[in-house]
């Protein structure tokens, strides 16, 4: 999908589909056409207003009305897009609206799409941010994963080839900048989505390591190091090695480094369970069906690193990925086993299906031992309990650092993602005390699972370093098509983390 910002007469532009906008009328019923939509309506002899009125079109947010131009203007079709009350729109709303626009364009096989940017959106968001949101909506909303489909199936897939965003000359440069940023961010998100959607027979720990190595080829600002089981053992990383014992696939510990030239160093740690059976604490078949997505935290980090050399944030970034399968083989870790994390703390594993926190124990310990990070953020599909609390579209944020929480929440909101601050209740730490080790990997209580998971991770965070845990179990994988995310991997966290690093 190619994009360009352009200033031209909206009534004279040739396209397969021309999108114009309407906002909510003052009386809440009907619609108010944007200035560009009025020009198109005039060129059509009032047909746009006539059809919209006859169809009782209401300009609610995301409402669409498709009209054929019948050759009266070069655009073959018009799409009237409802904005609702523009002053109430968020970035996420604008992304969702343009995602619907993109899916409609694909549906009618429009290869060339023109989007007439209304003044209302320019006034609220500015040209750069509006264009970035529109581009992200179009690309992310029309994403399809067809890597493993037959050639015949691929040929049937409809694609938008060109998108022209129409705006005014004073805003062309800002619009072009927004388009460029939107394309880059969307590419990173879809990179992560592809990894999550890949079959677990392909997306193994060693495959993730190879992907990481390819990311840094030809890049001066990014490097990659991959630790083998032998090297992990030498470092005392018994936690991840313990979880890996039940699988024939060897684990990998991936270290990515980006040199941004700034004084601060940010460390990102990602859970990379490429398939999770639950181990000997075996999941039932239904709950195992989508467990290829248990490496979504790792995918987010790889997505972020795929575009850091392009976006060039002025901060140093370290990415740590603990990658393994969790399988019930004959050598698998057993409930009651004790393993030692890299920082020397011992872990009693009472439930092998709470493995993500165990492998992250080594990742967080490694961060403390090898890097003087100014801040650490981990991303993990950690608990179903967080989904019970926040649903399928909101991630849980756990941190005691108010400034870090504020920055992450602002980054999420301004990028169109949703997180919600959750408590790190210290009184619950008693529940994680073990009779035979320093800590156990489950609390034994059926309540507060998301909090207990975060408290477990806190045991392995280097002292004095601001840290946040993002439980992305809900939004990392869509069980059905959503506004911006087709069914499957969502690439959640990529937009937010990039926005945070850039600010």
Protein backbone atom coordinates (compact mmCIF):
# COMPACT_ATOMS: atom_id res chain seq x y z
CA UNK A 1 0.00 0.00 0.00
CA UNK A 2 1.60 3.26 -1.17
CA UNK A 3 0.67 6.64 0.31
CA UNK A 4 1.09 10.26 -0.67
CA UNK A 5 -0.17 13.61 0.55
CA UNK A 6 -1.54 15.81 -2.19
CA UNK A 7 -3.32 19.10 -2.77
CA UNK A 8 -5.77 18.93 -5.66
CA UNK A 9 -9.39 19.55 -6.54
CA UNK A 10 -11.32 16.77 -4.84
CA UNK A 11 -13.87 16.73 -7.66
CA UNK A 12 -11.24 16.09 -10.35
CA UNK A 13 -9.20 13.28 -8.82
CA UNK A 14 -9.46 9.84 -10.37
CA UNK A 15 -9.83 6.99 -7.89
CA UNK A 16 -11.67 3.75 -7.27
CA UNK A 17 -13.08 5.22 -4.08
CA UNK A 18 -13.18 8.75 -2.69
CA UNK A 19 -13.82 9.06 1.04
CA UNK A 20 -15.40 12.26 2.33
CA UNK A 21 -16.59 12.98 5.84
CA UNK A 22 -19.66 14.17 7.66
CA UNK A 23 -20.02 15.16 11.29
CA UNK A 24 -22.99 14.90 13.58
CA UNK A 25 -25.67 17.53 13.01
CA UNK A 26 -26.37 19.96 15.83
CA UNK A 27 -29.74 18.37 16.51
CA UNK A 28 -28.01 14.96 16.81
CA UNK A 29 -29.99 13.60 13.85
CA UNK A 30 -28.84 13.50 10.25
CA UNK A 31 -25.46 14.84 9.18
CA UNK A 32 -23.36 17.89 8.37
CA UNK A 33 -21.10 17.53 5.35
CA UNK A 34 -17.48 18.66 5.54
CA UNK A 35 -16.44 21.47 3.18
CA UNK A 36 -14.81 19.03 0.76
CA UNK A 37 -17.88 16.79 0.87
CA UNK A 38 -20.01 19.80 -0.02
CA UNK A 39 -17.83 20.43 -3.09
CA UNK A 40 -18.32 16.84 -4.19
CA UNK A 41 -22.05 17.10 -3.54
CA UNK A 42 -22.22 20.22 -5.69
CA UNK A 43 -20.33 18.51 -8.53
CA UNK A 44 -22.83 15.65 -8.31
CA UNK A 45 -25.78 18.01 -8.50
CA UNK A 46 -26.78 17.37 -4.89
CA UNK A 47 -26.86 13.59 -5.31
CA UNK A 48 -24.76 12.96 -2.18
CA UNK A 49 -27.19 14.84 0.06
CA UNK A 50 -30.18 13.34 -1.73
CA UNK A 51 -29.04 9.73 -1.32
CA UNK A 52 -27.84 10.24 2.26
CA UNK A 53 -31.17 11.79 3.20
CA UNK A 54 -33.15 9.06 1.46
CA UNK A 55 -31.09 6.39 3.25
CA UNK A 56 -31.59 8.24 6.56
CA UNK A 57 -27.82 8.36 7.01
CA UNK A 58 -26.76 9.37 10.49
CA UNK A 59 -23.23 10.61 10.93
CA UNK A 60 -22.48 8.43 13.90
CA UNK A 61 -18.87 7.50 14.43
CA UNK A 62 -17.83 4.99 11.77
CA UNK A 63 -21.12 4.91 9.87
CA UNK A 64 -20.54 4.42 6.15
CA UNK A 65 -22.60 5.14 3.05
CA UNK A 66 -21.37 3.94 -0.36
CA UNK A 67 -22.56 5.83 -3.45
CA UNK A 68 -21.70 5.37 -7.13
CA UNK A 69 -20.75 8.56 -8.96
CA UNK A 70 -22.20 7.37 -12.30
CA UNK A 71 -19.38 9.13 -14.13
CA UNK A 72 -20.26 12.62 -12.87
CA UNK A 73 -16.80 12.94 -11.32
CA UNK A 74 -13.60 10.92 -11.98
CA UNK A 75 -13.92 8.97 -8.71
CA UNK A 76 -15.93 5.79 -9.40
CA UNK A 77 -17.42 5.55 -5.93
CA UNK A 78 -17.95 7.86 -2.98
CA UNK A 79 -17.83 6.78 0.62
CA UNK A 80 -19.49 9.08 3.10
CA UNK A 81 -17.84 8.48 6.47
CA UNK A 82 -19.44 9.47 9.76
CA UNK A 83 -17.29 11.17 12.38
CA UNK A 84 -19.88 11.64 15.09
CA UNK A 85 -18.96 14.68 17.17
CA UNK A 86 -15.38 15.44 16.00
CA UNK A 87 -14.38 17.16 19.25
CA UNK A 88 -14.98 13.90 21.13
CA UNK A 89 -12.77 11.75 18.89
CA UNK A 90 -9.60 10.10 20.18
CA UNK A 91 -6.68 8.75 18.17
CA UNK A 92 -8.09 5.24 18.68
CA UNK A 93 -11.47 6.39 17.34
CA UNK A 94 -9.89 7.86 14.21
CA UNK A 95 -7.88 4.69 13.64
CA UNK A 96 -11.02 2.57 14.00
CA UNK A 97 -13.01 4.77 11.61
CA UNK A 98 -10.37 4.61 8.90
CA UNK A 99 -9.95 0.87 9.46
CA UNK A 100 -13.63 0.48 8.53
CA UNK A 101 -13.03 2.75 5.55
CA UNK A 102 -10.16 0.53 4.42
CA UNK A 103 -12.14 -2.69 4.76
CA UNK A 104 -14.97 -1.20 2.70
CA UNK A 105 -12.47 -0.16 0.01
CA UNK A 106 -11.12 -3.73 -0.10
CA UNK A 107 -14.64 -5.11 -0.24
CA UNK A 108 -15.43 -3.14 -3.42
CA UNK A 109 -11.96 -3.89 -4.87
CA UNK A 110 -10.92 -0.24 -5.01
CA UNK A 111 -7.20 -0.29 -5.78
CA UNK A 112 -6.78 3.49 -5.64
CA UNK A 113 -8.32 5.27 -2.66
CA UNK A 114 -8.48 9.00 -1.97
CA UNK A 115 -9.19 10.34 1.52
CA UNK A 116 -10.23 13.97 1.77
CA UNK A 117 -8.96 15.17 5.14
CA UNK A 118 -11.63 17.42 6.69
CA UNK A 119 -10.81 20.65 8.47
CA UNK A 120 -12.47 19.34 11.63
CA UNK A 121 -9.81 16.62 12.03
CA UNK A 122 -6.98 18.98 11.15
CA UNK A 123 -8.10 21.43 13.83
CA UNK A 124 -8.32 18.73 16.51
CA UNK A 125 -5.31 16.53 15.79
CA UNK A 126 -3.12 18.58 13.47
CA UNK A 127 -2.14 17.32 10.02
CA UNK A 128 0.74 15.11 11.15
CA UNK A 129 -1.09 13.23 13.90
CA UNK A 130 -4.31 12.95 11.88
CA UNK A 131 -2.47 11.50 8.88
CA UNK A 132 -0.52 9.07 11.06
CA UNK A 133 -3.75 7.78 12.63
CA UNK A 134 -5.44 7.48 9.23
CA UNK A 135 -2.53 5.55 7.74
CA UNK A 136 -2.37 3.24 10.77
CA UNK A 137 -6.10 2.63 10.56
CA UNK A 138 -5.93 1.77 6.86
CA UNK A 139 -2.91 -0.52 7.12
CA UNK A 140 -3.70 -2.25 10.41
CA UNK A 141 -7.42 -2.54 9.71
CA UNK A 142 -6.87 -4.30 6.38
CA UNK A 143 -4.10 -6.65 7.55
CA UNK A 144 -4.31 -10.24 6.36
CA UNK A 145 -1.98 -13.11 7.26
CA UNK A 146 -1.72 -15.34 4.21
CA UNK A 147 1.87 -16.56 4.39
CA UNK A 148 0.78 -20.19 4.62
CA UNK A 149 -2.16 -20.02 2.21
CA UNK A 150 -2.04 -21.51 -1.27
CA UNK A 151 -1.17 -19.43 -4.31
CA UNK A 152 -4.78 -19.74 -5.43
CA UNK A 153 -6.04 -18.29 -2.15
CA UNK A 154 -3.54 -15.45 -2.33
CA UNK A 155 -4.70 -14.47 -5.80
CA UNK A 156 -8.25 -14.03 -4.49
CA UNK A 157 -7.10 -11.56 -1.84
CA UNK A 158 -8.06 -7.96 -2.64
CA UNK A 159 -5.53 -5.20 -2.04
CA UNK A 160 -5.51 -1.42 -1.88
CA UNK A 161 -2.50 -0.33 -3.92
CA UNK A 162 -2.47 3.47 -3.62
CA UNK A 163 -3.85 5.91 -1.07
CA UNK A 164 -3.91 9.66 -1.61
CA UNK A 165 -4.54 11.88 1.40
CA UNK A 166 -5.92 15.22 0.27
CA UNK A 167 -5.07 18.30 2.31
CA UNK A 168 -4.16 21.97 1.89
CA UNK A 169 -0.70 23.31 0.84
CA UNK A 170 0.31 24.74 4.26
CA UNK A 171 -0.17 21.30 5.78
CA UNK A 172 1.40 19.12 3.07
CA UNK A 173 4.78 18.70 4.80
CA UNK A 174 3.18 17.84 8.14
CA UNK A 175 0.81 15.43 6.40
CA UNK A 176 3.71 13.74 4.61
CA UNK A 177 5.57 13.36 7.93
CA UNK A 178 2.50 11.79 9.52
CA UNK A 179 2.08 9.41 6.61
CA UNK A 180 5.71 8.32 6.84
CA UNK A 181 5.50 7.76 10.62
CA UNK A 182 2.23 5.87 10.25
CA UNK A 183 3.69 3.54 7.62
CA UNK A 184 6.75 2.80 9.76
CA UNK A 185 4.78 2.13 12.94
CA UNK A 186 2.24 -0.02 11.08
CA UNK A 187 5.04 -2.05 9.51
CA UNK A 188 6.39 -2.77 13.00
CA UNK A 189 2.96 -3.80 14.29
CA UNK A 190 2.34 -6.13 11.36
CA UNK A 191 5.84 -7.57 11.78
CA UNK A 192 4.85 -8.57 15.32
CA UNK A 193 1.47 -9.85 14.12
CA UNK A 194 3.11 -12.11 11.55
CA UNK A 195 5.28 -13.67 14.26
CA UNK A 196 2.32 -14.31 16.56
CA UNK A 197 0.20 -15.73 13.73
CA UNK A 198 2.86 -18.11 12.48
CA UNK A 199 2.40 -21.81 13.28
CA UNK A 200 4.34 -22.99 16.35
CA UNK A 201 6.06 -25.66 14.25
CA UNK A 202 7.75 -22.77 12.43
CA UNK A 203 7.95 -20.07 15.11
CA UNK A 204 10.27 -21.90 17.48
CA UNK A 205 12.79 -20.34 19.89
CA UNK A 206 15.59 -20.80 17.35
CA UNK A 207 13.39 -19.20 14.67
CA UNK A 208 12.89 -16.11 16.85
CA UNK A 209 16.65 -15.96 17.30
CA UNK A 210 17.18 -16.06 13.52
CA UNK A 211 14.57 -13.33 13.06
CA UNK A 212 16.43 -11.18 15.58
CA UNK A 213 19.74 -11.75 13.79
CA UNK A 214 18.23 -10.76 10.44
CA UNK A 215 16.90 -7.53 11.95
CA UNK A 216 20.37 -6.25 12.68
CA UNK A 217 22.02 -7.13 9.36
CA UNK A 218 23.35 -4.00 7.72
CA UNK A 219 22.36 -1.84 10.70
CA UNK A 220 25.04 0.09 12.53
CA UNK A 221 22.85 1.13 15.45
CA UNK A 222 21.47 -2.32 16.35
CA UNK A 223 23.26 -5.49 17.47
CA UNK A 224 22.10 -8.97 18.44
CA UNK A 225 23.52 -11.71 20.64
CA UNK A 226 21.92 -15.12 21.15
CA UNK A 227 22.69 -17.36 24.12
CA UNK A 228 22.53 -21.14 23.73
CA UNK A 229 21.56 -23.52 26.56
CA UNK A 230 25.24 -24.10 27.36
CA UNK A 231 25.85 -20.36 27.70
CA UNK A 232 22.68 -19.91 29.75
CA UNK A 233 23.75 -22.67 32.12
CA UNK A 234 27.12 -21.00 32.61
CA UNK A 235 25.29 -17.84 33.69
CA UNK A 236 23.08 -19.74 36.14
CA UNK A 237 19.83 -19.30 34.20
CA UNK A 238 18.18 -22.39 35.63
CA UNK A 239 14.69 -20.89 35.52
CA UNK A 240 14.32 -20.79 31.74
CA UNK A 241 16.32 -24.01 31.37
CA UNK A 242 13.97 -25.74 33.78
CA UNK A 243 10.89 -24.78 31.77
CA UNK A 244 12.64 -25.81 28.54
CA UNK A 245 13.42 -29.35 29.75
CA UNK A 246 10.14 -30.83 28.53
CA UNK A 247 10.69 -29.83 24.91
CA UNK A 248 12.92 -31.14 22.13
CA UNK A 249 13.26 -27.54 20.95
CA UNK A 250 16.23 -25.84 22.56
CA UNK A 251 15.60 -22.51 24.32
CA UNK A 252 17.25 -19.29 23.25
CA UNK A 253 17.98 -16.08 25.15
CA UNK A 254 18.05 -13.14 22.76
CA UNK A 255 19.79 -9.84 23.52
CA UNK A 256 19.13 -6.90 21.20
CA UNK A 257 20.81 -3.53 21.65
CA UNK A 258 19.98 -0.22 19.99
CA UNK A 259 22.33 2.73 20.38
CA UNK A 260 20.32 5.91 20.13
CA UNK A 261 23.00 8.24 21.38
CA UNK A 262 21.05 9.43 24.40
CA UNK A 263 22.20 9.22 27.99
CA UNK A 264 19.41 6.93 29.19
CA UNK A 265 19.06 3.18 28.72
CA UNK A 266 15.67 1.50 28.55
CA UNK A 267 15.43 -2.27 28.96
CA UNK A 268 12.52 -4.19 27.46
CA UNK A 269 11.99 -7.81 28.54
CA UNK A 270 9.62 -10.12 26.69
CA UNK A 271 8.07 -13.48 27.42
CA UNK A 272 8.76 -15.76 24.46
CA UNK A 273 6.88 -19.01 25.08
CA UNK A 274 6.50 -20.15 21.47
CA UNK A 275 3.96 -22.80 22.44
CA UNK A 276 2.43 -23.39 25.84
CA UNK A 277 0.82 -26.73 26.60
CA UNK A 278 0.90 -25.92 30.30
CA UNK A 279 3.64 -28.51 30.79
CA UNK A 280 2.70 -31.29 33.20
CA UNK A 281 0.00 -28.97 34.58
CA UNK A 282 -1.58 -29.62 31.19
CA UNK A 283 -4.13 -27.27 29.66
CA UNK A 284 -7.29 -28.72 28.15
CA UNK A 285 -7.41 -28.84 24.35
CA UNK A 286 -9.65 -25.79 23.99
CA UNK A 287 -7.35 -23.57 26.03
CA UNK A 288 -4.34 -24.86 24.11
CA UNK A 289 -5.63 -23.93 20.64
CA UNK A 290 -4.28 -20.39 20.60
CA UNK A 291 -1.20 -20.91 22.75
CA UNK A 292 1.12 -20.10 19.85
CA UNK A 293 0.45 -16.50 20.90
CA UNK A 294 2.20 -16.92 24.25
CA UNK A 295 5.27 -15.31 22.69
CA UNK A 296 3.44 -12.05 21.95
CA UNK A 297 5.63 -10.10 24.38
CA UNK A 298 8.70 -11.25 22.47
CA UNK A 299 7.01 -10.40 19.16
CA UNK A 300 6.32 -6.87 20.41
CA UNK A 301 10.00 -6.34 21.22
CA UNK A 302 11.06 -7.66 17.81
CA UNK A 303 8.49 -5.41 16.15
CA UNK A 304 9.84 -2.40 18.05
CA UNK A 305 13.45 -3.20 17.14
CA UNK A 306 12.54 -3.70 13.48
CA UNK A 307 11.99 0.07 13.10
CA UNK A 308 14.25 1.68 15.71
CA UNK A 309 16.96 2.41 13.10
CA UNK A 310 14.32 4.22 11.04
CA UNK A 311 12.62 6.21 13.80
CA UNK A 312 15.92 6.93 15.62
CA UNK A 313 14.72 7.65 19.18
CA UNK A 314 17.36 9.45 21.26
CA UNK A 315 17.63 6.73 23.88
CA UNK A 316 19.56 3.47 24.21
CA UNK A 317 17.32 0.40 24.18
CA UNK A 318 18.04 -3.17 25.25
CA UNK A 319 15.64 -5.95 24.31
CA UNK A 320 15.74 -9.25 26.22
CA UNK A 321 13.72 -12.23 25.03
CA UNK A 322 13.44 -15.48 26.98
CA UNK A 323 12.31 -17.96 24.32
CA UNK A 324 11.30 -21.56 24.93
CA UNK A 325 8.44 -24.00 24.55
CA UNK A 326 6.53 -25.33 27.57
CA UNK A 327 5.97 -29.01 26.83
CA UNK A 328 5.15 -32.09 28.97
CA UNK A 329 8.07 -34.28 27.85
CA UNK A 330 9.65 -36.98 29.98
CA UNK A 331 12.24 -34.53 31.32
CA UNK A 332 9.73 -31.74 31.98
CA UNK A 333 9.88 -29.74 35.18
CA UNK A 334 7.48 -31.22 37.75
CA UNK A 335 5.19 -29.53 40.29
CA UNK A 336 7.32 -29.29 43.41
CA UNK A 337 10.63 -28.89 41.59
CA UNK A 338 12.94 -26.06 42.65
CA UNK A 339 15.03 -24.03 40.19
CA UNK A 340 17.48 -21.20 40.78
CA UNK A 341 17.19 -17.96 38.82
CA UNK A 342 20.22 -16.07 37.60
CA UNK A 343 20.10 -13.67 40.56
CA UNK A 344 20.43 -16.59 42.98
CA UNK A 345 16.83 -16.70 44.20
CA UNK A 346 15.22 -20.13 44.29
CA UNK A 347 11.77 -20.81 42.85
CA UNK A 348 9.43 -23.62 43.84
CA UNK A 349 7.40 -24.47 40.74
CA UNK A 350 4.00 -25.63 41.96
CA UNK A 351 2.19 -25.08 38.67
CA UNK A 352 4.07 -25.62 35.42
CA UNK A 353 1.42 -23.60 33.57
CA UNK A 354 2.64 -20.47 35.37
CA UNK A 355 5.85 -20.70 33.37
CA UNK A 356 6.01 -17.23 31.83
CA UNK A 357 6.94 -15.56 35.11
CA UNK A 358 9.62 -18.20 35.67
CA UNK A 359 11.43 -17.54 32.38
CA UNK A 360 11.07 -13.78 32.91
CA UNK A 361 12.79 -14.20 36.29
CA UNK A 362 15.99 -14.93 34.39
CA UNK A 363 15.40 -12.11 31.90
CA UNK A 364 14.92 -9.55 34.68
CA UNK A 365 17.90 -10.95 36.59
CA UNK A 366 20.02 -10.67 33.45
CA UNK A 367 18.96 -7.04 33.05
CA UNK A 368 20.18 -6.32 36.57
CA UNK A 369 23.46 -8.19 36.19
CA UNK A 370 24.52 -6.99 32.75
CA UNK A 371 23.02 -3.54 32.20
CA UNK A 372 22.72 -0.34 34.17
CA UNK A 373 19.22 0.35 32.90
CA UNK A 374 17.45 3.56 33.87
CA UNK A 375 14.10 1.82 33.50
CA UNK A 376 12.84 -1.71 32.80
CA UNK A 377 9.52 -2.63 31.19
CA UNK A 378 8.45 -6.23 30.65
CA UNK A 379 5.66 -7.38 28.36
CA UNK A 380 4.02 -10.76 28.83
CA UNK A 381 0.85 -12.68 28.16
CA UNK A 382 1.05 -13.55 31.83
CA UNK A 383 -2.36 -14.22 33.39
CA UNK A 384 -5.92 -15.06 32.50
CA UNK A 385 -6.77 -13.23 35.72
CA UNK A 386 -5.87 -9.93 34.07
CA UNK A 387 -8.34 -10.73 31.28
CA UNK A 388 -11.03 -11.41 33.88
CA UNK A 389 -10.37 -7.98 35.38
CA UNK A 390 -9.88 -5.88 32.24
CA UNK A 391 -11.34 -7.84 29.34
CA UNK A 392 -9.78 -8.63 25.99
CA UNK A 393 -8.71 -5.16 24.81
CA UNK A 394 -6.97 -3.58 27.81
CA UNK A 395 -3.57 -4.48 29.24
CA UNK A 396 -2.77 -4.33 32.93
CA UNK A 397 -0.03 -1.94 34.06
CA UNK A 398 1.78 -2.77 37.28
CA UNK A 399 4.35 -0.35 38.68
CA UNK A 400 5.12 1.61 41.83
CA UNK A 401 6.75 4.42 39.85
CA UNK A 402 4.20 7.20 39.30
CA UNK A 403 6.25 9.00 36.66
CA UNK A 404 6.77 5.83 34.63
CA UNK A 405 3.08 4.95 34.89
CA UNK A 406 2.11 8.44 33.71
CA UNK A 407 4.44 8.29 30.71
CA UNK A 408 3.28 4.82 29.66
CA UNK A 409 -0.40 5.71 30.01
CA UNK A 410 0.10 8.85 27.93
CA UNK A 411 2.00 6.87 25.28
CA UNK A 412 -0.79 4.30 25.14
CA UNK A 413 -3.53 6.90 24.83
CA UNK A 414 -1.74 8.95 22.18
CA UNK A 415 -0.95 5.85 20.10
CA UNK A 416 -4.43 4.33 20.26
CA UNK A 417 -3.76 1.49 22.71
CA UNK A 418 -5.30 0.94 26.13
CA UNK A 419 -3.68 0.09 29.45
CA UNK A 420 -5.02 0.38 32.99
CA UNK A 421 -3.04 0.82 36.19
CA UNK A 422 -3.39 -2.08 38.63
CA UNK A 423 -2.19 -2.30 42.25
CA UNK A 424 0.99 -4.00 43.40
CA UNK A 425 -0.43 -4.92 46.80
CA UNK A 426 2.56 -5.67 49.01
CA UNK A 427 0.41 -7.49 51.55
CA UNK A 428 -0.12 -10.23 48.95
CA UNK A 429 3.62 -11.03 48.91
CA UNK A 430 3.07 -13.36 51.86
CA UNK A 431 1.11 -15.63 49.53
CA UNK A 432 4.22 -16.25 47.42
CA UNK A 433 6.38 -17.48 50.29
CA UNK A 434 7.54 -21.06 49.84
CA UNK A 435 8.24 -23.68 52.50
CA UNK A 436 11.21 -25.05 50.56
CA UNK A 437 12.48 -22.16 48.40
CA UNK A 438 12.71 -18.38 48.40
CA UNK A 439 9.49 -17.96 46.46
CA UNK A 440 6.85 -20.10 44.76
CA UNK A 441 5.45 -19.43 41.31
CA UNK A 442 1.76 -19.40 42.31
CA UNK A 443 0.05 -18.05 45.38
CA UNK A 444 -2.35 -20.90 46.04
CA UNK A 445 -5.25 -18.43 46.13
CA UNK A 446 -7.84 -18.28 43.37
CA UNK A 447 -7.98 -14.49 43.80
CA UNK A 448 -5.64 -11.71 42.68
CA UNK A 449 -3.83 -13.80 40.09
CA UNK A 450 -2.64 -10.86 37.98
CA UNK A 451 -1.29 -9.03 41.04
CA UNK A 452 0.45 -12.12 42.34
CA UNK A 453 2.08 -12.69 38.96
CA UNK A 454 3.43 -9.13 38.98
CA UNK A 455 4.62 -9.45 42.59
CA UNK A 456 6.51 -12.60 41.64
CA UNK A 457 8.31 -10.73 38.85
CA UNK A 458 9.18 -7.90 41.24
CA UNK A 459 11.37 -10.36 43.18
CA UNK A 460 13.81 -10.41 40.25
CA UNK A 461 13.92 -6.71 39.35
CA UNK A 462 17.24 -5.03 40.22
CA UNK A 463 16.89 -2.89 43.32
CA UNK A 464 16.32 0.81 42.78
CA UNK A 465 15.48 0.59 39.07
CA UNK A 466 12.04 1.89 37.98
CA UNK A 467 10.11 -1.08 36.57
CA UNK A 468 6.75 -1.68 34.97
CA UNK A 469 5.05 -4.94 34.10
CA UNK A 470 2.54 -4.99 31.25
CA UNK A 471 0.22 -7.99 31.35
CA UNK A 472 -0.93 -8.16 27.72
CA UNK A 473 -2.78 -11.48 27.94
CA UNK A 474 -6.06 -9.90 26.81
CA UNK A 475 -5.18 -7.59 23.93
CA UNK A 476 -2.28 -9.62 22.45
CA UNK A 477 -4.58 -11.97 20.53
CA UNK A 478 -8.03 -11.26 19.09
CA UNK A 479 -10.42 -14.21 19.20
CA UNK A 480 -12.58 -12.44 16.60
CA UNK A 481 -12.31 -9.45 14.27
CA UNK A 482 -12.20 -6.15 16.13
CA UNK A 483 -12.15 -2.50 15.02
CA UNK A 484 -8.44 -2.30 14.22
CA UNK A 485 -7.40 -5.91 14.59
CA UNK A 486 -8.48 -8.85 12.45
CA UNK A 487 -8.72 -12.16 14.29
CA UNK A 488 -5.31 -13.34 15.45
CA UNK A 489 -2.18 -11.60 16.68
CA UNK A 490 -2.66 -7.89 17.26
CA UNK A 491 0.89 -6.60 17.71
CA UNK A 492 -0.29 -4.96 20.91
CA UNK A 493 2.27 -2.79 22.64
CA UNK A 494 4.34 -1.90 19.59
CA UNK A 495 2.64 1.47 19.03
CA UNK A 496 2.70 2.37 22.70
CA UNK A 497 6.35 1.43 23.28
CA UNK A 498 7.50 3.27 20.15
CA UNK A 499 5.56 6.37 21.19
CA UNK A 500 7.08 6.18 24.67
CA UNK A 501 10.64 5.78 23.36
CA UNK A 502 10.24 8.67 20.94
CA UNK A 503 8.98 11.01 23.67
